[in-house]
PDB file of all heavy atoms in Angstrom:
ATOM      1  N   CYS A   1      -4.962   0.435 -16.927  1.00  0.00           N
ATOM      2  CA  CYS A   1      -5.319  -0.822 -16.284  1.00  0.00           C
ATOM      3  C   CYS A   1      -4.094  -1.391 -15.565  1.00  0.00           C
ATOM      4  O   CYS A   1      -3.017  -1.500 -16.156  1.00  0.00           O
ATOM      5  CB  CYS A   1      -5.819  -1.828 -17.318  1.00  0.00           C
ATOM      6  SG  CYS A   1      -7.151  -1.211 -18.380  1.00  0.00           S
ATOM      7  N   PHE A   2      -4.275  -1.781 -14.299  1.00  0.00           N
ATOM      8  CA  PHE A   2      -3.150  -2.239 -13.482  1.00  0.00           C
ATOM      9  C   PHE A   2      -3.507  -3.521 -12.737  1.00  0.00           C
ATOM     10  O   PHE A   2      -4.643  -3.691 -12.293  1.00  0.00           O
ATOM     11  CB  PHE A   2      -2.782  -1.184 -12.432  1.00  0.00           C
ATOM     12  CG  PHE A   2      -2.467   0.172 -12.984  1.00  0.00           C
ATOM     13  CD1 PHE A   2      -3.451   1.149 -13.056  1.00  0.00           C
ATOM     14  CD2 PHE A   2      -1.190   0.486 -13.429  1.00  0.00           C
ATOM     15  CE1 PHE A   2      -3.170   2.414 -13.553  1.00  0.00           C
ATOM     16  CE2 PHE A   2      -0.895   1.743 -13.931  1.00  0.00           C
ATOM     17  CZ  PHE A   2      -1.890   2.704 -13.994  1.00  0.00           C
ATOM     18  N   HIS A   3      -2.508  -4.393 -12.583  1.00  0.00           N
ATOM     19  CA  HIS A   3      -2.597  -5.479 -11.611  1.00  0.00           C
ATOM     20  C   HIS A   3      -1.235  -5.606 -10.937  1.00  0.00           C
ATOM     21  O   HIS A   3      -0.227  -5.087 -11.429  1.00  0.00           O
ATOM     22  CB  HIS A   3      -3.046  -6.799 -12.253  1.00  0.00           C
ATOM     23  CG  HIS A   3      -2.072  -7.396 -13.229  1.00  0.00           C
ATOM     24  ND1 HIS A   3      -0.961  -8.090 -12.839  1.00  0.00           N
ATOM     25  CD2 HIS A   3      -2.056  -7.395 -14.582  1.00  0.00           C
ATOM     26  CE1 HIS A   3      -0.292  -8.510 -13.909  1.00  0.00           C
ATOM     27  NE2 HIS A   3      -0.936  -8.094 -14.984  1.00  0.00           N
ATOM     28  N   SER A   4      -1.207  -6.278  -9.810  1.00  0.00           N
ATOM     29  CA  SER A   4       0.039  -6.437  -9.068  1.00  0.00           C
ATOM     30  C   SER A   4       1.007  -7.317  -9.846  1.00  0.00           C
ATOM     31  O   SER A   4       0.612  -8.339 -10.420  1.00  0.00           O
ATOM     32  CB  SER A   4      -0.233  -7.084  -7.703  1.00  0.00           C
ATOM     33  OG  SER A   4      -1.084  -6.269  -6.935  1.00  0.00           O
ATOM     34  N   VAL A   5       2.271  -6.906  -9.878  1.00  0.00           N
ATOM     35  CA  VAL A   5       3.341  -7.671 -10.512  1.00  0.00           C
ATOM     36  C   VAL A   5       4.462  -7.811  -9.488  1.00  0.00           C
ATOM     37  O   VAL A   5       4.967  -6.796  -8.988  1.00  0.00           O
ATOM     38  CB  VAL A   5       3.866  -6.975 -11.786  1.00  0.00           C
ATOM     39  CG1 VAL A   5       5.045  -7.739 -12.373  1.00  0.00           C
ATOM     40  CG2 VAL A   5       2.749  -6.828 -12.808  1.00  0.00           C
ATOM     41  N   ASP A   6       4.839  -9.031  -9.166  1.00  0.00           N
ATOM     42  CA  ASP A   6       5.833  -9.289  -8.133  1.00  0.00           C
ATOM     43  C   ASP A   6       7.111  -8.490  -8.386  1.00  0.00           C
ATOM     44  O   ASP A   6       7.699  -8.555  -9.465  1.00  0.00           O
ATOM     45  CB  ASP A   6       6.141 -10.793  -8.097  1.00  0.00           C
ATOM     46  CG  ASP A   6       7.013 -11.180  -6.917  1.00  0.00           C
ATOM     47  OD1 ASP A   6       6.921 -10.513  -5.877  1.00  0.00           O
ATOM     48  OD2 ASP A   6       7.784 -12.145  -7.046  1.00  0.00           O
ATOM     49  N   GLY A   7       7.501  -7.694  -7.395  1.00  0.00           N
ATOM     50  CA  GLY A   7       8.723  -6.915  -7.495  1.00  0.00           C
ATOM     51  C   GLY A   7       8.604  -5.631  -8.286  1.00  0.00           C
ATOM     52  O   GLY A   7       9.582  -4.890  -8.421  1.00  0.00           O
ATOM     53  N   TYR A   8       7.410  -5.330  -8.815  1.00  0.00           N
ATOM     54  CA  TYR A   8       7.240  -4.147  -9.662  1.00  0.00           C
ATOM     55  C   TYR A   8       6.102  -3.241  -9.195  1.00  0.00           C
ATOM     56  O   TYR A   8       6.270  -2.038  -9.058  1.00  0.00           O
ATOM     57  CB  TYR A   8       7.000  -4.573 -11.108  1.00  0.00           C
ATOM     58  CG  TYR A   8       6.792  -3.422 -12.048  1.00  0.00           C
ATOM     59  CD1 TYR A   8       7.875  -2.680 -12.513  1.00  0.00           C
ATOM     60  CD2 TYR A   8       5.517  -3.045 -12.462  1.00  0.00           C
ATOM     61  CE1 TYR A   8       7.695  -1.600 -13.362  1.00  0.00           C
ATOM     62  CE2 TYR A   8       5.323  -1.966 -13.307  1.00  0.00           C
ATOM     63  CZ  TYR A   8       6.412  -1.250 -13.765  1.00  0.00           C
ATOM     64  OH  TYR A   8       6.220  -0.179 -14.594  1.00  0.00           O
ATOM     65  N   SER A   9       4.924  -3.820  -8.976  1.00  0.00           N
ATOM     66  CA  SER A   9       3.759  -3.019  -8.586  1.00  0.00           C
ATOM     67  C   SER A   9       2.889  -3.800  -7.615  1.00  0.00           C
ATOM     68  O   SER A   9       2.908  -5.032  -7.593  1.00  0.00           O
ATOM     69  CB  SER A   9       2.927  -2.632  -9.816  1.00  0.00           C
ATOM     70  OG  SER A   9       2.431  -3.791 -10.470  1.00  0.00           O
ATOM     71  N   LYS A  10       2.124  -3.065  -6.826  1.00  0.00           N
ATOM     72  CA  LYS A  10       1.209  -3.684  -5.877  1.00  0.00           C
ATOM     73  C   LYS A  10      -0.057  -2.859  -5.798  1.00  0.00           C
ATOM     74  O   LYS A  10      -0.016  -1.646  -5.561  1.00  0.00           O
ATOM     75  CB  LYS A  10       1.866  -3.783  -4.498  1.00  0.00           C
ATOM     76  CG  LYS A  10       0.986  -4.374  -3.419  1.00  0.00           C
ATOM     77  CD  LYS A  10       0.754  -5.853  -3.632  1.00  0.00           C
ATOM     78  CE  LYS A  10      -0.015  -6.449  -2.444  1.00  0.00           C
ATOM     79  NZ  LYS A  10      -0.368  -7.861  -2.689  1.00  0.00           N
ATOM     80  N   VAL A  11      -1.196  -3.510  -6.014  1.00  0.00           N
ATOM     81  CA  VAL A  11      -2.513  -2.903  -5.845  1.00  0.00           C
ATOM     82  C   VAL A  11      -3.132  -3.564  -4.623  1.00  0.00           C
ATOM     83  O   VAL A  11      -3.215  -4.798  -4.565  1.00  0.00           O
ATOM     84  CB  VAL A  11      -3.401  -3.129  -7.085  1.00  0.00           C
ATOM     85  CG1 VAL A  11      -4.769  -2.501  -6.873  1.00  0.00           C
ATOM     86  CG2 VAL A  11      -2.735  -2.572  -8.341  1.00  0.00           C
ATOM     87  N   GLY A  12      -3.535  -2.779  -3.637  1.00  0.00           N
ATOM     88  CA  GLY A  12      -4.057  -3.401  -2.430  1.00  0.00           C
ATOM     89  C   GLY A  12      -4.812  -2.431  -1.549  1.00  0.00           C
ATOM     90  O   GLY A  12      -5.145  -1.315  -1.944  1.00  0.00           O
ATOM     91  N   SER A  13      -5.062  -2.881  -0.336  1.00  0.00           N
ATOM     92  CA  SER A  13      -5.757  -2.065   0.653  1.00  0.00           C
ATOM     93  C   SER A  13      -5.181  -2.366   2.027  1.00  0.00           C
ATOM     94  O   SER A  13      -4.526  -3.399   2.235  1.00  0.00           O
ATOM     95  CB  SER A  13      -7.260  -2.354   0.636  1.00  0.00           C
ATOM     96  OG  SER A  13      -7.521  -3.692   1.013  1.00  0.00           O
ATOM     97  N   TYR A  14      -5.404  -1.451   2.950  1.00  0.00           N
ATOM     98  CA  TYR A  14      -5.001  -1.661   4.335  1.00  0.00           C
ATOM     99  C   TYR A  14      -6.005  -0.986   5.258  1.00  0.00           C
ATOM    100  O   TYR A  14      -6.818  -0.171   4.822  1.00  0.00           O
ATOM    101  CB  TYR A  14      -3.582  -1.131   4.594  1.00  0.00           C
ATOM    102  CG  TYR A  14      -3.417   0.372   4.478  1.00  0.00           C
ATOM    103  CD1 TYR A  14      -3.613   1.214   5.574  1.00  0.00           C
ATOM    104  CD2 TYR A  14      -3.051   0.958   3.265  1.00  0.00           C
ATOM    105  CE1 TYR A  14      -3.457   2.587   5.468  1.00  0.00           C
ATOM    106  CE2 TYR A  14      -2.889   2.333   3.162  1.00  0.00           C
ATOM    107  CZ  TYR A  14      -3.094   3.134   4.265  1.00  0.00           C
ATOM    108  OH  TYR A  14      -2.944   4.499   4.157  1.00  0.00           O
ATOM    109  N   THR A  15      -5.945  -1.344   6.526  1.00  0.00           N
ATOM    110  CA  THR A  15      -6.813  -0.751   7.540  1.00  0.00           C
ATOM    111  C   THR A  15      -5.972   0.113   8.465  1.00  0.00           C
ATOM    112  O   THR A  15      -4.933  -0.327   8.964  1.00  0.00           O
ATOM    113  CB  THR A  15      -7.525  -1.846   8.354  1.00  0.00           C
ATOM    114  OG1 THR A  15      -8.292  -2.663   7.463  1.00  0.00           O
ATOM    115  CG2 THR A  15      -8.461  -1.237   9.396  1.00  0.00           C
ATOM    116  N   GLY A  16      -6.397   1.342   8.686  1.00  0.00           N
ATOM    117  CA  GLY A  16      -5.668   2.249   9.554  1.00  0.00           C
ATOM    118  C   GLY A  16      -5.784   1.849  11.018  1.00  0.00           C
ATOM    119  O   GLY A  16      -6.736   1.165  11.406  1.00  0.00           O
ATOM    120  N   ASN A  17      -4.809   2.301  11.836  1.00  0.00           N
ATOM    121  CA  ASN A  17      -4.874   2.024  13.272  1.00  0.00           C
ATOM    122  C   ASN A  17      -4.962   3.289  14.121  1.00  0.00           C
ATOM    123  O   ASN A  17      -5.039   3.215  15.344  1.00  0.00           O
ATOM    124  CB  ASN A  17      -3.700   1.149  13.723  1.00  0.00           C
ATOM    125  CG  ASN A  17      -2.355   1.855  13.652  1.00  0.00           C
ATOM    126  OD1 ASN A  17      -2.271   3.055  13.375  1.00  0.00           O
ATOM    127  ND2 ASN A  17      -1.290   1.109  13.891  1.00  0.00           N
ATOM    128  N   GLY A  18      -4.945   4.459  13.481  1.00  0.00           N
ATOM    129  CA  GLY A  18      -5.113   5.708  14.211  1.00  0.00           C
ATOM    130  C   GLY A  18      -4.015   6.016  15.194  1.00  0.00           C
ATOM    131  O   GLY A  18      -4.212   6.775  16.140  1.00  0.00           O
ATOM    132  N   ASN A  19      -2.815   5.476  14.959  1.00  0.00           N
ATOM    133  CA  ASN A  19      -1.724   5.584  15.919  1.00  0.00           C
ATOM    134  C   ASN A  19      -0.505   6.184  15.228  1.00  0.00           C
ATOM    135  O   ASN A  19      -0.280   5.962  14.047  1.00  0.00           O
ATOM    136  CB  ASN A  19      -1.403   4.181  16.455  1.00  0.00           C
ATOM    137  CG  ASN A  19      -0.537   4.209  17.678  1.00  0.00           C
ATOM    138  OD1 ASN A  19       0.605   4.667  17.624  1.00  0.00           O
ATOM    139  ND2 ASN A  19      -1.062   3.724  18.787  1.00  0.00           N
ATOM    140  N   ALA A  20       0.305   6.931  15.976  1.00  0.00           N
ATOM    141  CA  ALA A  20       1.538   7.471  15.408  1.00  0.00           C
ATOM    142  C   ALA A  20       2.510   6.362  15.017  1.00  0.00           C
ATOM    143  O   ALA A  20       3.336   6.541  14.124  1.00  0.00           O
ATOM    144  CB  ALA A  20       2.208   8.421  16.396  1.00  0.00           C
ATOM    145  N   ASP A  21       2.429   5.215  15.686  1.00  0.00           N
ATOM    146  CA  ASP A  21       3.135   4.007  15.253  1.00  0.00           C
ATOM    147  C   ASP A  21       2.190   3.287  14.310  1.00  0.00           C
ATOM    148  O   ASP A  21       1.525   2.327  14.669  1.00  0.00           O
ATOM    149  CB  ASP A  21       3.497   3.133  16.457  1.00  0.00           C
ATOM    150  CG  ASP A  21       4.301   1.908  16.061  1.00  0.00           C
ATOM    151  OD1 ASP A  21       4.842   1.892  14.935  1.00  0.00           O
ATOM    152  OD2 ASP A  21       4.355   0.962  16.857  1.00  0.00           O
ATOM    153  N   GLY A  22       2.120   3.781  13.082  1.00  0.00           N
ATOM    154  CA  GLY A  22       1.041   3.424  12.171  1.00  0.00           C
ATOM    155  C   GLY A  22       1.151   2.058  11.529  1.00  0.00           C
ATOM    156  O   GLY A  22       2.088   1.302  11.746  1.00  0.00           O
ATOM    157  N   THR A  23       0.177   1.789  10.708  1.00  0.00           N
ATOM    158  CA  THR A  23       0.086   0.536   9.976  1.00  0.00           C
ATOM    159  C   THR A  23       1.289   0.362   9.055  1.00  0.00           C
ATOM    160  O   THR A  23       1.745   1.317   8.421  1.00  0.00           O
ATOM    161  CB  THR A  23      -1.213   0.525   9.144  1.00  0.00           C
ATOM    162  OG1 THR A  23      -2.332   0.644  10.027  1.00  0.00           O
ATOM    163  CG2 THR A  23      -1.341  -0.735   8.316  1.00  0.00           C
ATOM    164  N   PHE A  24       1.804  -0.869   8.989  1.00  0.00           N
ATOM    165  CA  PHE A  24       2.820  -1.225   7.993  1.00  0.00           C
ATOM    166  C   PHE A  24       2.126  -1.930   6.844  1.00  0.00           C
ATOM    167  O   PHE A  24       1.307  -2.829   7.059  1.00  0.00           O
ATOM    168  CB  PHE A  24       3.889  -2.144   8.590  1.00  0.00           C
ATOM    169  CG  PHE A  24       4.784  -2.763   7.546  1.00  0.00           C
ATOM    170  CD1 PHE A  24       5.737  -1.987   6.897  1.00  0.00           C
ATOM    171  CD2 PHE A  24       4.647  -4.092   7.191  1.00  0.00           C
ATOM    172  CE1 PHE A  24       6.541  -2.542   5.903  1.00  0.00           C
ATOM    173  CE2 PHE A  24       5.450  -4.659   6.215  1.00  0.00           C
ATOM    174  CZ  PHE A  24       6.401  -3.883   5.572  1.00  0.00           C
ATOM    175  N   VAL A  25       2.440  -1.516   5.616  1.00  0.00           N
ATOM    176  CA  VAL A  25       1.832  -2.108   4.422  1.00  0.00           C
ATOM    177  C   VAL A  25       2.917  -2.821   3.631  1.00  0.00           C
ATOM    178  O   VAL A  25       3.863  -2.187   3.140  1.00  0.00           O
ATOM    179  CB  VAL A  25       1.145  -1.030   3.555  1.00  0.00           C
ATOM    180  CG1 VAL A  25       0.471  -1.681   2.350  1.00  0.00           C
ATOM    181  CG2 VAL A  25       0.140  -0.242   4.383  1.00  0.00           C
ATOM    182  N   HIS A  26       2.798  -4.129   3.500  1.00  0.00           N
ATOM    183  CA  HIS A  26       3.809  -4.945   2.825  1.00  0.00           C
ATOM    184  C   HIS A  26       3.555  -4.950   1.316  1.00  0.00           C
ATOM    185  O   HIS A  26       2.470  -5.318   0.867  1.00  0.00           O
ATOM    186  CB  HIS A  26       3.769  -6.377   3.357  1.00  0.00           C
ATOM    187  CG  HIS A  26       4.836  -7.249   2.794  1.00  0.00           C
ATOM    188  ND1 HIS A  26       4.612  -8.099   1.736  1.00  0.00           N
ATOM    189  CD2 HIS A  26       6.145  -7.380   3.125  1.00  0.00           C
ATOM    190  CE1 HIS A  26       5.731  -8.734   1.446  1.00  0.00           C
ATOM    191  NE2 HIS A  26       6.679  -8.310   2.276  1.00  0.00           N
ATOM    192  N   THR A  27       4.551  -4.527   0.551  1.00  0.00           N
ATOM    193  CA  THR A  27       4.439  -4.539  -0.908  1.00  0.00           C
ATOM    194  C   THR A  27       5.382  -5.548  -1.557  1.00  0.00           C
ATOM    195  O   THR A  27       5.254  -5.832  -2.734  1.00  0.00           O
ATOM    196  CB  THR A  27       4.752  -3.152  -1.492  1.00  0.00           C
ATOM    197  OG1 THR A  27       6.092  -2.794  -1.143  1.00  0.00           O
ATOM    198  CG2 THR A  27       3.780  -2.102  -0.977  1.00  0.00           C
ATOM    199  N   SER A  28       6.362  -6.036  -0.810  1.00  0.00           N
ATOM    200  CA  SER A  28       7.428  -6.957  -1.245  1.00  0.00           C
ATOM    201  C   SER A  28       8.534  -6.242  -2.014  1.00  0.00           C
ATOM    202  O   SER A  28       9.417  -6.894  -2.566  1.00  0.00           O
ATOM    203  CB  SER A  28       6.888  -8.142  -2.059  1.00  0.00           C
ATOM    204  OG  SER A  28       6.623  -7.791  -3.404  1.00  0.00           O
ATOM    205  N   PHE A  29       8.513  -4.913  -2.059  1.00  0.00           N
ATOM    206  CA  PHE A  29       9.581  -4.144  -2.714  1.00  0.00           C
ATOM    207  C   PHE A  29       9.674  -2.771  -2.051  1.00  0.00           C
ATOM    208  O   PHE A  29       8.778  -2.350  -1.321  1.00  0.00           O
ATOM    209  CB  PHE A  29       9.331  -3.984  -4.211  1.00  0.00           C
ATOM    210  CG  PHE A  29       7.965  -3.427  -4.566  1.00  0.00           C
ATOM    211  CD1 PHE A  29       7.662  -2.083  -4.400  1.00  0.00           C
ATOM    212  CD2 PHE A  29       6.983  -4.264  -5.075  1.00  0.00           C
ATOM    213  CE1 PHE A  29       6.415  -1.570  -4.732  1.00  0.00           C
ATOM    214  CE2 PHE A  29       5.728  -3.767  -5.400  1.00  0.00           C
ATOM    215  CZ  PHE A  29       5.446  -2.422  -5.228  1.00  0.00           C
ATOM    216  N   ALA A  30      10.784  -2.072  -2.312  1.00  0.00           N
ATOM    217  CA  ALA A  30      10.943  -0.694  -1.846  1.00  0.00           C
ATOM    218  C   ALA A  30      10.148   0.223  -2.781  1.00  0.00           C
ATOM    219  O   ALA A  30      10.442   0.293  -3.973  1.00  0.00           O
ATOM    220  CB  ALA A  30      12.414  -0.297  -1.856  1.00  0.00           C
ATOM    221  N   PRO A  31       9.139   0.904  -2.276  1.00  0.00           N
ATOM    222  CA  PRO A  31       8.321   1.748  -3.156  1.00  0.00           C
ATOM    223  C   PRO A  31       9.059   3.000  -3.632  1.00  0.00           C
ATOM    224  O   PRO A  31       9.859   3.573  -2.907  1.00  0.00           O
ATOM    225  CB  PRO A  31       7.132   2.145  -2.272  1.00  0.00           C
ATOM    226  CG  PRO A  31       7.180   1.254  -1.077  1.00  0.00           C
ATOM    227  CD  PRO A  31       8.618   0.877  -0.910  1.00  0.00           C
ATOM    228  N   ALA A  32       8.735   3.402  -4.850  1.00  0.00           N
ATOM    229  CA  ALA A  32       9.152   4.702  -5.363  1.00  0.00           C
ATOM    230  C   ALA A  32       7.982   5.670  -5.369  1.00  0.00           C
ATOM    231  O   ALA A  32       8.173   6.889  -5.297  1.00  0.00           O
ATOM    232  CB  ALA A  32       9.705   4.577  -6.772  1.00  0.00           C
ATOM    233  N   TYR A  33       6.771   5.130  -5.442  1.00  0.00           N
ATOM    234  CA  TYR A  33       5.553   5.935  -5.605  1.00  0.00           C
ATOM    235  C   TYR A  33       4.390   5.188  -4.978  1.00  0.00           C
ATOM    236  O   TYR A  33       4.227   3.983  -5.207  1.00  0.00           O
ATOM    237  CB  TYR A  33       5.303   6.153  -7.096  1.00  0.00           C
ATOM    238  CG  TYR A  33       3.996   6.822  -7.463  1.00  0.00           C
ATOM    239  CD1 TYR A  33       3.946   8.185  -7.722  1.00  0.00           C
ATOM    240  CD2 TYR A  33       2.820   6.088  -7.574  1.00  0.00           C
ATOM    241  CE1 TYR A  33       2.753   8.804  -8.079  1.00  0.00           C
ATOM    242  CE2 TYR A  33       1.617   6.702  -7.931  1.00  0.00           C
ATOM    243  CZ  TYR A  33       1.594   8.057  -8.177  1.00  0.00           C
ATOM    244  OH  TYR A  33       0.420   8.670  -8.530  1.00  0.00           O
ATOM    245  N   VAL A  34       3.600   5.899  -4.175  1.00  0.00           N
ATOM    246  CA  VAL A  34       2.386   5.327  -3.597  1.00  0.00           C
ATOM    247  C   VAL A  34       1.261   6.340  -3.741  1.00  0.00           C
ATOM    248  O   VAL A  34       1.410   7.510  -3.379  1.00  0.00           O
ATOM    249  CB  VAL A  34       2.557   4.966  -2.108  1.00  0.00           C
ATOM    250  CG1 VAL A  34       1.232   4.492  -1.512  1.00  0.00           C
ATOM    251  CG2 VAL A  34       3.632   3.898  -1.920  1.00  0.00           C
ATOM    252  N   LEU A  35       0.136   5.888  -4.285  1.00  0.00           N
ATOM    253  CA  LEU A  35      -1.088   6.671  -4.372  1.00  0.00           C
ATOM    254  C   LEU A  35      -2.115   5.979  -3.485  1.00  0.00           C
ATOM    255  O   LEU A  35      -2.361   4.777  -3.649  1.00  0.00           O
ATOM    256  CB  LEU A  35      -1.592   6.721  -5.820  1.00  0.00           C
ATOM    257  CG  LEU A  35      -2.980   7.313  -6.063  1.00  0.00           C
ATOM    258  CD1 LEU A  35      -3.010   8.804  -5.759  1.00  0.00           C
ATOM    259  CD2 LEU A  35      -3.414   7.057  -7.503  1.00  0.00           C
ATOM    260  N   SER A  36      -2.707   6.715  -2.525  1.00  0.00           N
ATOM    261  CA  SER A  36      -3.657   6.092  -1.606  1.00  0.00           C
ATOM    262  C   SER A  36      -4.888   6.968  -1.412  1.00  0.00           C
ATOM    263  O   SER A  36      -4.853   8.177  -1.665  1.00  0.00           O
ATOM    264  CB  SER A  36      -2.998   5.803  -0.253  1.00  0.00           C
ATOM    265  OG  SER A  36      -2.624   7.008   0.391  1.00  0.00           O
ATOM    266  N   LYS A  37      -5.960   6.331  -0.917  1.00  0.00           N
ATOM    267  CA  LYS A  37      -7.235   7.049  -0.712  1.00  0.00           C
ATOM    268  C   LYS A  37      -8.050   6.353   0.364  1.00  0.00           C
ATOM    269  O   LYS A  37      -8.182   5.134   0.356  1.00  0.00           O
ATOM    270  CB  LYS A  37      -8.022   7.058  -2.032  1.00  0.00           C
ATOM    271  CG  LYS A  37      -9.469   7.554  -1.934  1.00  0.00           C
ATOM    272  CD  LYS A  37      -9.524   9.059  -1.871  1.00  0.00           C
ATOM    273  CE  LYS A  37     -10.941   9.609  -2.072  1.00  0.00           C
ATOM    274  NZ  LYS A  37     -11.800   9.454  -0.886  1.00  0.00           N
ATOM    275  N   ARG A  38      -8.575   7.133   1.291  1.00  0.00           N
ATOM    276  CA  ARG A  38      -9.518   6.588   2.275  1.00  0.00           C
ATOM    277  C   ARG A  38     -10.843   6.324   1.575  1.00  0.00           C
ATOM    278  O   ARG A  38     -11.376   7.179   0.871  1.00  0.00           O
ATOM    279  CB  ARG A  38      -9.703   7.556   3.442  1.00  0.00           C
ATOM    280  CG  ARG A  38     -10.645   7.005   4.503  1.00  0.00           C
ATOM    281  CD  ARG A  38     -10.477   7.627   5.869  1.00  0.00           C
ATOM    282  NE  ARG A  38     -10.655   9.052   5.939  1.00  0.00           N
ATOM    283  CZ  ARG A  38     -11.109   9.681   7.037  1.00  0.00           C
ATOM    284  NH1 ARG A  38     -11.424   8.997   8.129  1.00  0.00           N
ATOM    285  NH2 ARG A  38     -11.207  10.982   7.051  1.00  0.00           N
ATOM    286  N   VAL A  39     -11.404   5.140   1.759  1.00  0.00           N
ATOM    287  CA  VAL A  39     -12.573   4.707   0.988  1.00  0.00           C
ATOM    288  C   VAL A  39     -13.906   5.190   1.549  1.00  0.00           C
ATOM    289  O   VAL A  39     -14.750   5.669   0.797  1.00  0.00           O
ATOM    290  CB  VAL A  39     -12.576   3.160   0.852  1.00  0.00           C
ATOM    291  CG1 VAL A  39     -13.859   2.669   0.212  1.00  0.00           C
ATOM    292  CG2 VAL A  39     -11.372   2.702   0.049  1.00  0.00           C
ATOM    293  N   PRO A  40     -14.171   5.069   2.867  1.00  0.00           N
ATOM    294  CA  PRO A  40     -15.552   5.275   3.314  1.00  0.00           C
ATOM    295  C   PRO A  40     -15.989   6.723   3.486  1.00  0.00           C
ATOM    296  O   PRO A  40     -17.169   6.970   3.735  1.00  0.00           O
ATOM    297  CB  PRO A  40     -15.590   4.544   4.672  1.00  0.00           C
ATOM    298  CG  PRO A  40     -14.188   4.611   5.167  1.00  0.00           C
ATOM    299  CD  PRO A  40     -13.317   4.576   3.952  1.00  0.00           C
TER     300      PRO A  40
END
């Protein structure tokens, strides 16, 4: 079970832009690990 913790973890979503200059996803920290999945 996870929830976002400031400076430690972030659970969220983003929308892709289909561009090589891709979407920026703000987590408020430097990530060490990211797990992602396209939903639809």
